[in-house]
Amino acid sequence: RALGHRGAVKSPTFTLVETYAIEGREGLCTVHHFDLYRLGDPEELHYMGFEDYRRPEALCLIEWPSRGGRLLTPSITVTLAATGLESRRATVEFDSAIEEERVAEFATRVANIK
């Protein structure tokens, strides 16, 4: 919702992925929210067509990425930690191999969060 999505935001726990189209200042962006907790084997990513979700205009948010094994190579890692009963701290880490423009693009999208 913080990115501008107006509909319901469902947990992808049973479906493995929920997709949202976000209209923002930079144009249309697709957000794919994955929850890989129920993934039995990393190879299942191939069967669900994971590579088809990875596009330049898409943002893939993945819970339980360790379930994807070596098939997932995150370029950005966001870690959430509780800092109180109703507060959280987000730590964002960029892969050392990530291109500078990708970092700038991510920063622009985050800056445009309403």
PDB file of N, CA and C in Angstrom:
ATOM      1  N   ARG A   1       0.823  -1.198   0.000  1.00  0.00           N
ATOM      2  CA  ARG A   1       0.000   0.000   0.000  1.00  0.00           C
ATOM      3  C   ARG A   1       0.864   1.258   0.000  1.00  0.00           C
ATOM      4  N   ALA A   2       2.012   1.182   0.675  1.00  0.00           N
ATOM      5  CA  ALA A   2       2.895   2.351   0.745  1.00  0.00           C
ATOM      6  C   ALA A   2       3.397   2.751  -0.638  1.00  0.00           C
ATOM      7  N   LEU A   3       3.408   1.820  -1.586  1.00  0.00           N
ATOM      8  CA  LEU A   3       3.842   2.140  -2.940  1.00  0.00           C
ATOM      9  C   LEU A   3       2.716   2.705  -3.796  1.00  0.00           C
ATOM     10  N   GLY A   4       1.488   2.742  -3.260  1.00  0.00           N
ATOM     11  CA  GLY A   4       0.372   3.317  -4.002  1.00  0.00           C
ATOM     12  C   GLY A   4      -0.683   2.324  -4.432  1.00  0.00           C
ATOM     13  N   HIS A   5      -0.551   1.074  -4.074  1.00  0.00           N
ATOM     14  CA  HIS A   5      -1.562   0.073  -4.428  1.00  0.00           C
ATOM     15  C   HIS A   5      -2.824   0.343  -3.622  1.00  0.00           C
ATOM     16  N   ARG A   6      -3.980   0.365  -4.289  1.00  0.00           N
ATOM     17  CA  ARG A   6      -5.225   0.730  -3.622  1.00  0.00           C
ATOM     18  C   ARG A   6      -6.076  -0.472  -3.213  1.00  0.00           C
ATOM     19  N   GLY A   7      -5.815  -1.627  -3.746  1.00  0.00           N
ATOM     20  CA  GLY A   7      -6.626  -2.805  -3.435  1.00  0.00           C
ATOM     21  C   GLY A   7      -6.116  -3.551  -2.223  1.00  0.00           C
ATOM     22  N   ALA A   8      -6.675  -4.734  -2.046  1.00  0.00           N
ATOM     23  CA  ALA A   8      -6.262  -5.586  -0.925  1.00  0.00           C
ATOM     24  C   ALA A   8      -4.841  -6.098  -1.154  1.00  0.00           C
ATOM     25  N   VAL A   9      -4.112  -6.226  -0.076  1.00  0.00           N
ATOM     26  CA  VAL A   9      -2.770  -6.809  -0.119  1.00  0.00           C
ATOM     27  C   VAL A   9      -2.857  -8.123   0.643  1.00  0.00           C
ATOM     28  N   LYS A  10      -2.740  -9.224  -0.112  1.00  0.00           N
ATOM     29  CA  LYS A  10      -2.899 -10.548   0.484  1.00  0.00           C
ATOM     30  C   LYS A  10      -1.543 -11.193   0.706  1.00  0.00           C
ATOM     31  N   SER A  11      -1.467 -12.038   1.709  1.00  0.00           N
ATOM     32  CA  SER A  11      -0.252 -12.807   1.951  1.00  0.00           C
ATOM     33  C   SER A  11      -0.149 -13.905   0.901  1.00  0.00           C
ATOM     34  N   PRO A  12       1.024 -14.063   0.288  1.00  0.00           N
ATOM     35  CA  PRO A  12       1.177 -15.123  -0.713  1.00  0.00           C
ATOM     36  C   PRO A  12       1.586 -16.466  -0.107  1.00  0.00           C
ATOM     37  N   THR A  13       1.279 -16.681   1.161  1.00  0.00           N
ATOM     38  CA  THR A  13       1.711 -17.901   1.841  1.00  0.00           C
ATOM     39  C   THR A  13       1.273 -19.166   1.103  1.00  0.00           C
ATOM     40  N   PHE A  14       0.037 -19.218   0.622  1.00  0.00           N
ATOM     41  CA  PHE A  14      -0.451 -20.421  -0.044  1.00  0.00           C
ATOM     42  C   PHE A  14      -0.319 -20.362  -1.550  1.00  0.00           C
ATOM     43  N   THR A  15      -0.329 -19.161  -2.122  1.00  0.00           N
ATOM     44  CA  THR A  15      -0.225 -19.023  -3.573  1.00  0.00           C
ATOM     45  C   THR A  15       1.219 -18.873  -4.028  1.00  0.00           C
ATOM     46  N   LEU A  16       2.129 -18.638  -3.131  1.00  0.00           N
ATOM     47  CA  LEU A  16       3.557 -18.405  -3.352  1.00  0.00           C
ATOM     48  C   LEU A  16       3.875 -17.030  -3.923  1.00  0.00           C
ATOM     49  N   VAL A  17       2.953 -16.443  -4.704  1.00  0.00           N
ATOM     50  CA  VAL A  17       3.219 -15.105  -5.251  1.00  0.00           C
ATOM     51  C   VAL A  17       1.912 -14.340  -5.435  1.00  0.00           C
ATOM     52  N   GLU A  18       1.949 -13.066  -5.102  1.00  0.00           N
ATOM     53  CA  GLU A  18       0.852 -12.128  -5.384  1.00  0.00           C
ATOM     54  C   GLU A  18       1.462 -10.993  -6.187  1.00  0.00           C
ATOM     55  N   THR A  19       0.762 -10.543  -7.224  1.00  0.00           N
ATOM     56  CA  THR A  19       1.274  -9.509  -8.114  1.00  0.00           C
ATOM     57  C   THR A  19       0.394  -8.274  -8.043  1.00  0.00           C
ATOM     58  N   TYR A  20       1.052  -7.109  -8.009  1.00  0.00           N
ATOM     59  CA  TYR A  20       0.355  -5.832  -7.925  1.00  0.00           C
ATOM     60  C   TYR A  20       0.914  -4.877  -8.972  1.00  0.00           C
ATOM     61  N   ALA A  21       0.029  -4.154  -9.659  1.00  0.00           N
ATOM     62  CA  ALA A  21       0.441  -3.118 -10.590  1.00  0.00           C
ATOM     63  C   ALA A  21       0.377  -1.792  -9.849  1.00  0.00           C
ATOM     64  N   ILE A  22       1.475  -1.068  -9.866  1.00  0.00           N
ATOM     65  CA  ILE A  22       1.577   0.201  -9.153  1.00  0.00           C
ATOM     66  C   ILE A  22       1.801   1.313 -10.155  1.00  0.00           C
ATOM     67  N   GLU A  23       0.937   2.311 -10.148  1.00  0.00           N
ATOM     68  CA  GLU A  23       1.104   3.484 -11.007  1.00  0.00           C
ATOM     69  C   GLU A  23       1.772   4.560 -10.179  1.00  0.00           C
ATOM     70  N   GLY A  24       2.941   4.977 -10.599  1.00  0.00           N
ATOM     71  CA  GLY A  24       3.678   5.992  -9.849  1.00  0.00           C
ATOM     72  C   GLY A  24       4.181   7.097 -10.745  1.00  0.00           C
ATOM     73  N   ARG A  25       4.946   7.979 -10.173  1.00  0.00           N
ATOM     74  CA  ARG A  25       5.494   9.109 -10.928  1.00  0.00           C
ATOM     75  C   ARG A  25       6.416   8.662 -12.037  1.00  0.00           C
ATOM     76  N   GLU A  26       7.058   7.516 -11.854  1.00  0.00           N
ATOM     77  CA  GLU A  26       8.010   7.006 -12.837  1.00  0.00           C
ATOM     78  C   GLU A  26       7.336   6.071 -13.847  1.00  0.00           C
ATOM     79  N   GLY A  27       5.992   5.990 -13.841  1.00  0.00           N
ATOM     80  CA  GLY A  27       5.271   5.102 -14.741  1.00  0.00           C
ATOM     81  C   GLY A  27       4.795   3.859 -14.018  1.00  0.00           C
ATOM     82  N   LEU A  28       4.423   2.855 -14.793  1.00  0.00           N
ATOM     83  CA  LEU A  28       3.874   1.633 -14.225  1.00  0.00           C
ATOM     84  C   LEU A  28       4.993   0.719 -13.742  1.00  0.00           C
ATOM     85  N   CYS A  29       4.806   0.190 -12.563  1.00  0.00           N
ATOM     86  CA  CYS A  29       5.752  -0.753 -11.970  1.00  0.00           C
ATOM     87  C   CYS A  29       4.947  -1.952 -11.510  1.00  0.00           C
ATOM     88  N   THR A  30       5.489  -3.129 -11.703  1.00  0.00           N
ATOM     89  CA  THR A  30       4.851  -4.341 -11.223  1.00  0.00           C
ATOM     90  C   THR A  30       5.620  -4.835 -10.015  1.00  0.00           C
ATOM     91  N   VAL A  31       4.903  -5.132  -8.943  1.00  0.00           N
ATOM     92  CA  VAL A  31       5.519  -5.672  -7.733  1.00  0.00           C
ATOM     93  C   VAL A  31       5.045  -7.114  -7.586  1.00  0.00           C
ATOM     94  N   HIS A  32       6.006  -8.032  -7.481  1.00  0.00           N
ATOM     95  CA  HIS A  32       5.705  -9.437  -7.245  1.00  0.00           C
ATOM     96  C   HIS A  32       6.162  -9.760  -5.823  1.00  0.00           C
ATOM     97  N   HIS A  33       5.218 -10.143  -4.983  1.00  0.00           N
ATOM     98  CA  HIS A  33       5.510 -10.465  -3.588  1.00  0.00           C
ATOM     99  C   HIS A  33       5.494 -11.982  -3.439  1.00  0.00           C
ATOM    100  N   PHE A  34       6.656 -12.554  -3.204  1.00  0.00           N
ATOM    101  CA  PHE A  34       6.800 -13.998  -3.058  1.00  0.00           C
ATOM    102  C   PHE A  34       6.936 -14.369  -1.587  1.00  0.00           C
ATOM    103  N   ASP A  35       6.345 -15.496  -1.214  1.00  0.00           N
ATOM    104  CA  ASP A  35       6.572 -16.096   0.097  1.00  0.00           C
ATOM    105  C   ASP A  35       6.973 -17.537  -0.187  1.00  0.00           C
ATOM    106  N   LEU A  36       8.245 -17.840  -0.035  1.00  0.00           N
ATOM    107  CA  LEU A  36       8.760 -19.152  -0.407  1.00  0.00           C
ATOM    108  C   LEU A  36       8.800 -20.144   0.751  1.00  0.00           C
ATOM    109  N   TYR A  37       8.149 -19.811   1.850  1.00  0.00           N
ATOM    110  CA  TYR A  37       8.172 -20.695   3.016  1.00  0.00           C
ATOM    111  C   TYR A  37       7.723 -22.114   2.674  1.00  0.00           C
ATOM    112  N   ARG A  38       6.710 -22.242   1.834  1.00  0.00           N
ATOM    113  CA  ARG A  38       6.150 -23.554   1.502  1.00  0.00           C
ATOM    114  C   ARG A  38       6.848 -24.232   0.323  1.00  0.00           C
ATOM    115  N   LEU A  39       7.880 -23.608  -0.199  1.00  0.00           N
ATOM    116  CA  LEU A  39       8.624 -24.203  -1.301  1.00  0.00           C
ATOM    117  C   LEU A  39       9.325 -25.461  -0.794  1.00  0.00           C
ATOM    118  N   GLY A  40       9.063 -26.597  -1.435  1.00  0.00           N
ATOM    119  CA  GLY A  40       9.651 -27.855  -0.993  1.00  0.00           C
ATOM    120  C   GLY A  40      11.075 -28.049  -1.478  1.00  0.00           C
ATOM    121  N   ASP A  41      11.377 -27.510  -2.651  1.00  0.00           N
ATOM    122  CA  ASP A  41      12.689 -27.691  -3.263  1.00  0.00           C
ATOM    123  C   ASP A  41      12.964 -26.462  -4.122  1.00  0.00           C
ATOM    124  N   PRO A  42      14.196 -25.955  -4.130  1.00  0.00           N
ATOM    125  CA  PRO A  42      14.503 -24.780  -4.949  1.00  0.00           C
ATOM    126  C   PRO A  42      14.140 -24.949  -6.429  1.00  0.00           C
ATOM    127  N   GLU A  43      14.171 -26.185  -6.936  1.00  0.00           N
ATOM    128  CA  GLU A  43      13.823 -26.434  -8.337  1.00  0.00           C
ATOM    129  C   GLU A  43      12.382 -26.020  -8.660  1.00  0.00           C
ATOM    130  N   GLU A  44      11.530 -25.960  -7.641  1.00  0.00           N
ATOM    131  CA  GLU A  44      10.139 -25.562  -7.864  1.00  0.00           C
ATOM    132  C   GLU A  44      10.039 -24.146  -8.420  1.00  0.00           C
ATOM    133  N   LEU A  45      11.067 -23.335  -8.213  1.00  0.00           N
ATOM    134  CA  LEU A  45      11.077 -21.984  -8.795  1.00  0.00           C
ATOM    135  C   LEU A  45      10.968 -22.055 -10.316  1.00  0.00           C
ATOM    136  N   HIS A  46      11.611 -23.051 -10.917  1.00  0.00           N
ATOM    137  CA  HIS A  46      11.528 -23.222 -12.378  1.00  0.00           C
ATOM    138  C   HIS A  46      10.099 -23.561 -12.797  1.00  0.00           C
ATOM    139  N   TYR A  47       9.455 -24.450 -12.050  1.00  0.00           N
ATOM    140  CA  TYR A  47       8.101 -24.886 -12.395  1.00  0.00           C
ATOM    141  C   TYR A  47       7.077 -23.757 -12.279  1.00  0.00           C
ATOM    142  N   MET A  48       7.323 -22.838 -11.342  1.00  0.00           N
ATOM    143  CA  MET A  48       6.380 -21.729 -11.183  1.00  0.00           C
ATOM    144  C   MET A  48       6.709 -20.561 -12.112  1.00  0.00           C
ATOM    145  N   GLY A  49       7.746 -20.703 -12.950  1.00  0.00           N
ATOM    146  CA  GLY A  49       8.088 -19.669 -13.921  1.00  0.00           C
ATOM    147  C   GLY A  49       8.738 -18.439 -13.305  1.00  0.00           C
ATOM    148  N   PHE A  50       9.555 -18.638 -12.280  1.00  0.00           N
ATOM    149  CA  PHE A  50      10.151 -17.513 -11.561  1.00  0.00           C
ATOM    150  C   PHE A  50      10.893 -16.548 -12.489  1.00  0.00           C
ATOM    151  N   GLU A  51      11.617 -17.077 -13.450  1.00  0.00           N
ATOM    152  CA  GLU A  51      12.396 -16.202 -14.349  1.00  0.00           C
ATOM    153  C   GLU A  51      11.499 -15.250 -15.140  1.00  0.00           C
ATOM    154  N   ASP A  52      10.248 -15.647 -15.390  1.00  0.00           N
ATOM    155  CA  ASP A  52       9.316 -14.778 -16.118  1.00  0.00           C
ATOM    156  C   ASP A  52       8.920 -13.548 -15.305  1.00  0.00           C
ATOM    157  N   TYR A  53       9.039 -13.617 -13.988  1.00  0.00           N
ATOM    158  CA  TYR A  53       8.704 -12.485 -13.125  1.00  0.00           C
ATOM    159  C   TYR A  53       9.825 -11.450 -13.080  1.00  0.00           C
ATOM    160  N   ARG A  54      11.030 -11.857 -13.396  1.00  0.00           N
ATOM    161  CA  ARG A  54      12.196 -10.973 -13.294  1.00  0.00           C
ATOM    162  C   ARG A  54      12.318 -10.141 -14.563  1.00  0.00           C
ATOM    163  N   ARG A  55      11.827  -8.920 -14.489  1.00  0.00           N
ATOM    164  CA  ARG A  55      11.871  -7.977 -15.614  1.00  0.00           C
ATOM    165  C   ARG A  55      12.389  -6.645 -15.100  1.00  0.00           C
ATOM    166  N   PRO A  56      12.950  -5.831 -15.982  1.00  0.00           N
ATOM    167  CA  PRO A  56      13.500  -4.542 -15.534  1.00  0.00           C
ATOM    168  C   PRO A  56      12.479  -3.632 -14.855  1.00  0.00           C
ATOM    169  N   GLU A  57      11.206  -3.690 -15.278  1.00  0.00           N
ATOM    170  CA  GLU A  57      10.186  -2.814 -14.701  1.00  0.00           C
ATOM    171  C   GLU A  57       9.502  -3.429 -13.486  1.00  0.00           C
ATOM    172  N   ALA A  58       9.973  -4.591 -13.053  1.00  0.00           N
ATOM    173  CA  ALA A  58       9.354  -5.284 -11.927  1.00  0.00           C
ATOM    174  C   ALA A  58      10.246  -5.256 -10.697  1.00  0.00           C
ATOM    175  N   LEU A  59       9.587  -5.257  -9.560  1.00  0.00           N
ATOM    176  CA  LEU A  59      10.267  -5.338  -8.275  1.00  0.00           C
ATOM    177  C   LEU A  59       9.807  -6.642  -7.629  1.00  0.00           C
ATOM    178  N   CYS A  60      10.737  -7.552  -7.354  1.00  0.00           N
ATOM    179  CA  CYS A  60      10.414  -8.828  -6.721  1.00  0.00           C
ATOM    180  C   CYS A  60      10.798  -8.760  -5.258  1.00  0.00           C
ATOM    181  N   LEU A  61       9.796  -8.878  -4.400  1.00  0.00           N
ATOM    182  CA  LEU A  61      10.006  -8.898  -2.952  1.00  0.00           C
ATOM    183  C   LEU A  61       9.832 -10.336  -2.497  1.00  0.00           C
ATOM    184  N   ILE A  62      10.847 -10.896  -1.832  1.00  0.00           N
ATOM    185  CA  ILE A  62      10.836 -12.319  -1.523  1.00  0.00           C
ATOM    186  C   ILE A  62      11.012 -12.562  -0.032  1.00  0.00           C
ATOM    187  N   GLU A  63       9.996 -13.191   0.556  1.00  0.00           N
ATOM    188  CA  GLU A  63      10.109 -13.658   1.935  1.00  0.00           C
ATOM    189  C   GLU A  63      10.684 -15.073   1.892  1.00  0.00           C
ATOM    190  N   TRP A  64      11.510 -15.420   2.844  1.00  0.00           N
ATOM    191  CA  TRP A  64      12.158 -16.716   2.939  1.00  0.00           C
ATOM    192  C   TRP A  64      13.010 -17.012   1.697  1.00  0.00           C
ATOM    193  N   PRO A  65      13.862 -16.086   1.267  1.00  0.00           N
ATOM    194  CA  PRO A  65      14.665 -16.328   0.061  1.00  0.00           C
ATOM    195  C   PRO A  65      15.618 -17.513   0.195  1.00  0.00           C
ATOM    196  N   SER A  66      15.966 -17.892   1.411  1.00  0.00           N
ATOM    197  CA  SER A  66      16.873 -19.027   1.601  1.00  0.00           C
ATOM    198  C   SER A  66      16.275 -20.322   1.043  1.00  0.00           C
ATOM    199  N   ARG A  67      14.934 -20.395   0.934  1.00  0.00           N
ATOM    200  CA  ARG A  67      14.268 -21.580   0.395  1.00  0.00           C
ATOM    201  C   ARG A  67      14.539 -21.747  -1.098  1.00  0.00           C
ATOM    202  N   GLY A  68      14.991 -20.678  -1.758  1.00  0.00           N
ATOM    203  CA  GLY A  68      15.317 -20.743  -3.179  1.00  0.00           C
ATOM    204  C   GLY A  68      16.726 -21.233  -3.441  1.00  0.00           C
ATOM    205  N   GLY A  69      17.473 -21.461  -2.376  1.00  0.00           N
ATOM    206  CA  GLY A  69      18.836 -21.973  -2.520  1.00  0.00           C
ATOM    207  C   GLY A  69      19.704 -21.091  -3.398  1.00  0.00           C
ATOM    208  N   ARG A  70      20.538 -21.716  -4.171  1.00  0.00           N
ATOM    209  CA  ARG A  70      21.472 -20.992  -5.053  1.00  0.00           C
ATOM    210  C   ARG A  70      20.803 -20.425  -6.297  1.00  0.00           C
ATOM    211  N   LEU A  71      19.529 -20.743  -6.494  1.00  0.00           N
ATOM    212  CA  LEU A  71      18.823 -20.240  -7.677  1.00  0.00           C
ATOM    213  C   LEU A  71      18.455 -18.764  -7.542  1.00  0.00           C
ATOM    214  N   LEU A  72      18.484 -18.257  -6.319  1.00  0.00           N
ATOM    215  CA  LEU A  72      18.170 -16.844  -6.091  1.00  0.00           C
ATOM    216  C   LEU A  72      19.463 -16.081  -5.816  1.00  0.00           C
ATOM    217  N   THR A  73      19.624 -15.000  -6.525  1.00  0.00           N
ATOM    218  CA  THR A  73      20.771 -14.134  -6.283  1.00  0.00           C
ATOM    219  C   THR A  73      20.240 -12.729  -6.031  1.00  0.00           C
ATOM    220  N   PRO A  74      19.915 -12.411  -4.780  1.00  0.00           N
ATOM    221  CA  PRO A  74      19.332 -11.095  -4.497  1.00  0.00           C
ATOM    222  C   PRO A  74      20.329  -9.975  -4.766  1.00  0.00           C
ATOM    223  N   SER A  75      19.819  -8.891  -5.307  1.00  0.00           N
ATOM    224  CA  SER A  75      20.658  -7.719  -5.525  1.00  0.00           C
ATOM    225  C   SER A  75      20.451  -6.704  -4.418  1.00  0.00           C
ATOM    226  N   ILE A  76      19.314  -6.811  -3.752  1.00  0.00           N
ATOM    227  CA  ILE A  76      19.009  -5.922  -2.630  1.00  0.00           C
ATOM    228  C   ILE A  76      18.415  -6.780  -1.525  1.00  0.00           C
ATOM    229  N   THR A  77      18.929  -6.644  -0.326  1.00  0.00           N
ATOM    230  CA  THR A  77      18.396  -7.389   0.816  1.00  0.00           C
ATOM    231  C   THR A  77      17.849  -6.392   1.827  1.00  0.00           C
ATOM    232  N   VAL A  78      16.586  -6.566   2.200  1.00  0.00           N
ATOM    233  CA  VAL A  78      15.958  -5.721   3.207  1.00  0.00           C
ATOM    234  C   VAL A  78      15.691  -6.598   4.424  1.00  0.00           C
ATOM    235  N   THR A  79      16.232  -6.190   5.549  1.00  0.00           N
ATOM    236  CA  THR A  79      16.035  -6.924   6.798  1.00  0.00           C
ATOM    237  C   THR A  79      15.198  -6.064   7.731  1.00  0.00           C
ATOM    238  N   LEU A  80      14.112  -6.624   8.252  1.00  0.00           N
ATOM    239  CA  LEU A  80      13.241  -5.912   9.179  1.00  0.00           C
ATOM    240  C   LEU A  80      13.497  -6.427  10.587  1.00  0.00           C
ATOM    241  N   ALA A  81      13.598  -5.507  11.540  1.00  0.00           N
ATOM    242  CA  ALA A  81      13.811  -5.880  12.933  1.00  0.00           C
ATOM    243  C   ALA A  81      12.870  -5.061  13.807  1.00  0.00           C
ATOM    244  N   ALA A  82      12.259  -5.738  14.788  1.00  0.00           N
ATOM    245  CA  ALA A  82      11.382  -5.035  15.728  1.00  0.00           C
ATOM    246  C   ALA A  82      12.239  -4.157  16.629  1.00  0.00           C
ATOM    247  N   THR A  83      11.791  -2.908  16.805  1.00  0.00           N
ATOM    248  CA  THR A  83      12.495  -1.984  17.706  1.00  0.00           C
ATOM    249  C   THR A  83      11.609  -1.581  18.869  1.00  0.00           C
ATOM    250  N   GLY A  84      10.398  -2.076  18.877  1.00  0.00           N
ATOM    251  CA  GLY A  84       9.428  -1.794  19.930  1.00  0.00           C
ATOM    252  C   GLY A  84       8.161  -2.564  19.621  1.00  0.00           C
ATOM    253  N   LEU A  85       7.130  -2.348  20.412  1.00  0.00           N
ATOM    254  CA  LEU A  85       5.876  -3.061  20.188  1.00  0.00           C
ATOM    255  C   LEU A  85       5.224  -2.731  18.855  1.00  0.00           C
ATOM    256  N   GLU A  86       5.358  -1.486  18.412  1.00  0.00           N
ATOM    257  CA  GLU A  86       4.722  -1.072  17.163  1.00  0.00           C
ATOM    258  C   GLU A  86       5.695  -0.406  16.201  1.00  0.00           C
ATOM    259  N   SER A  87       6.966  -0.686  16.335  1.00  0.00           N
ATOM    260  CA  SER A  87       7.936  -0.055  15.442  1.00  0.00           C
ATOM    261  C   SER A  87       8.919  -1.084  14.891  1.00  0.00           C
ATOM    262  N   ARG A  88       9.431  -0.791  13.705  1.00  0.00           N
ATOM    263  CA  ARG A  88      10.373  -1.663  13.017  1.00  0.00           C
ATOM    264  C   ARG A  88      11.499  -0.815  12.432  1.00  0.00           C
ATOM    265  N   ARG A  89      12.639  -1.456  12.238  1.00  0.00           N
ATOM    266  CA  ARG A  89      13.756  -0.807  11.547  1.00  0.00           C
ATOM    267  C   ARG A  89      14.057  -1.639  10.311  1.00  0.00           C
ATOM    268  N   ALA A  90      14.195  -0.973   9.177  1.00  0.00           N
ATOM    269  CA  ALA A  90      14.552  -1.653   7.933  1.00  0.00           C
ATOM    270  C   ALA A  90      16.007  -1.338   7.609  1.00  0.00           C
ATOM    271  N   THR A  91      16.762  -2.375   7.338  1.00  0.00           N
ATOM    272  CA  THR A  91      18.147  -2.226   6.904  1.00  0.00           C
ATOM    273  C   THR A  91      18.217  -2.684   5.457  1.00  0.00           C
ATOM    274  N   VAL A  92      18.743  -1.836   4.583  1.00  0.00           N
ATOM    275  CA  VAL A  92      18.834  -2.145   3.164  1.00  0.00           C
ATOM    276  C   VAL A  92      20.297  -2.351   2.805  1.00  0.00           C
ATOM    277  N   GLU A  93      20.600  -3.519   2.202  1.00  0.00           N
ATOM    278  CA  GLU A  93      21.958  -3.827   1.767  1.00  0.00           C
ATOM    279  C   GLU A  93      21.943  -4.102   0.273  1.00  0.00           C
ATOM    280  N   PHE A  94      22.875  -3.499  -0.443  1.00  0.00           N
ATOM    281  CA  PHE A  94      23.000  -3.702  -1.882  1.00  0.00           C
ATOM    282  C   PHE A  94      24.141  -4.670  -2.154  1.00  0.00           C
ATOM    283  N   ASP A  95      23.938  -5.588  -3.094  1.00  0.00           N
ATOM    284  CA  ASP A  95      24.977  -6.518  -3.505  1.00  0.00           C
ATOM    285  C   ASP A  95      26.137  -5.714  -4.086  1.00  0.00           C
ATOM    286  N   SER A  96      27.340  -6.114  -3.815  1.00  0.00           N
ATOM    287  CA  SER A  96      28.498  -5.357  -4.296  1.00  0.00           C
ATOM    288  C   SER A  96      28.589  -5.342  -5.821  1.00  0.00           C
ATOM    289  N   ALA A  97      27.963  -6.324  -6.482  1.00  0.00           N
ATOM    290  CA  ALA A  97      28.034  -6.399  -7.939  1.00  0.00           C
ATOM    291  C   ALA A  97      26.896  -5.643  -8.630  1.00  0.00           C
ATOM    292  N   ILE A  98      25.988  -5.087  -7.854  1.00  0.00           N
ATOM    293  CA  ILE A  98      24.842  -4.416  -8.476  1.00  0.00           C
ATOM    294  C   ILE A  98      25.288  -3.158  -9.218  1.00  0.00           C
ATOM    295  N   GLU A  99      24.652  -2.915 -10.358  1.00  0.00           N
ATOM    296  CA  GLU A  99      25.006  -1.740 -11.153  1.00  0.00           C
ATOM    297  C   GLU A  99      24.542  -0.468 -10.465  1.00  0.00           C
ATOM    298  N   GLU A 100      25.292   0.579 -10.671  1.00  0.00           N
ATOM    299  CA  GLU A 100      24.993   1.859 -10.026  1.00  0.00           C
ATOM    300  C   GLU A 100      23.618   2.394 -10.418  1.00  0.00           C
ATOM    301  N   GLU A 101      23.206   2.195 -11.674  1.00  0.00           N
ATOM    302  CA  GLU A 101      21.884   2.707 -12.085  1.00  0.00           C
ATOM    303  C   GLU A 101      20.754   1.958 -11.400  1.00  0.00           C
ATOM    304  N   ARG A 102      20.958   0.690 -11.115  1.00  0.00           N
ATOM    305  CA  ARG A 102      19.922  -0.086 -10.425  1.00  0.00           C
ATOM    306  C   ARG A 102      19.736   0.437  -9.000  1.00  0.00           C
ATOM    307  N   VAL A 103      20.837   0.807  -8.359  1.00  0.00           N
ATOM    308  CA  VAL A 103      20.768   1.390  -7.015  1.00  0.00           C
ATOM    309  C   VAL A 103      20.016   2.714  -7.076  1.00  0.00           C
ATOM    310  N   ALA A 104      20.331   3.540  -8.075  1.00  0.00           N
ATOM    311  CA  ALA A 104      19.656   4.830  -8.231  1.00  0.00           C
ATOM    312  C   ALA A 104      18.170   4.633  -8.513  1.00  0.00           C
ATOM    313  N   GLU A 105      17.828   3.639  -9.327  1.00  0.00           N
ATOM    314  CA  GLU A 105      16.423   3.353  -9.639  1.00  0.00           C
ATOM    315  C   GLU A 105      15.669   2.934  -8.378  1.00  0.00           C
ATOM    316  N   PHE A 106      16.271   2.068  -7.585  1.00  0.00           N
ATOM    317  CA  PHE A 106      15.640   1.630  -6.335  1.00  0.00           C
ATOM    318  C   PHE A 106      15.445   2.818  -5.402  1.00  0.00           C
ATOM    319  N   ALA A 107      16.467   3.659  -5.283  1.00  0.00           N
ATOM    320  CA  ALA A 107      16.382   4.829  -4.413  1.00  0.00           C
ATOM    321  C   ALA A 107      15.262   5.771  -4.860  1.00  0.00           C
ATOM    322  N   THR A 108      15.081   5.931  -6.177  1.00  0.00           N
ATOM    323  CA  THR A 108      14.015   6.779  -6.712  1.00  0.00           C
ATOM    324  C   THR A 108      12.650   6.210  -6.350  1.00  0.00           C
ATOM    325  N   ARG A 109      12.494   4.907  -6.505  1.00  0.00           N
ATOM    326  CA  ARG A 109      11.210   4.270  -6.170  1.00  0.00           C
ATOM    327  C   ARG A 109      10.888   4.403  -4.697  1.00  0.00           C
ATOM    328  N   VAL A 110      11.895   4.206  -3.853  1.00  0.00           N
ATOM    329  CA  VAL A 110      11.689   4.342  -2.400  1.00  0.00           C
ATOM    330  C   VAL A 110      11.358   5.785  -2.054  1.00  0.00           C
ATOM    331  N   ALA A 111      12.022   6.737  -2.697  1.00  0.00           N
ATOM    332  CA  ALA A 111      11.764   8.153  -2.433  1.00  0.00           C
ATOM    333  C   ALA A 111      10.349   8.561  -2.823  1.00  0.00           C
ATOM    334  N   ASN A 112       9.760   7.838  -3.776  1.00  0.00           N
ATOM    335  CA  ASN A 112       8.407   8.178  -4.246  1.00  0.00           C
ATOM    336  C   ASN A 112       7.301   7.479  -3.466  1.00  0.00           C
ATOM    337  N   ILE A 113       7.661   6.733  -2.436  1.00  0.00           N
ATOM    338  CA  ILE A 113       6.637   6.094  -1.603  1.00  0.00           C
ATOM    339  C   ILE A 113       5.836   7.176  -0.902  1.00  0.00           C
ATOM    340  N   LYS A 114       4.526   7.025  -0.969  1.00  0.00           N
ATOM    341  CA  LYS A 114       3.639   8.039  -0.378  1.00  0.00           C
ATOM    342  C   LYS A 114       3.582   7.904   1.123  1.00  0.00           C
TER     343      LYS A 114
END
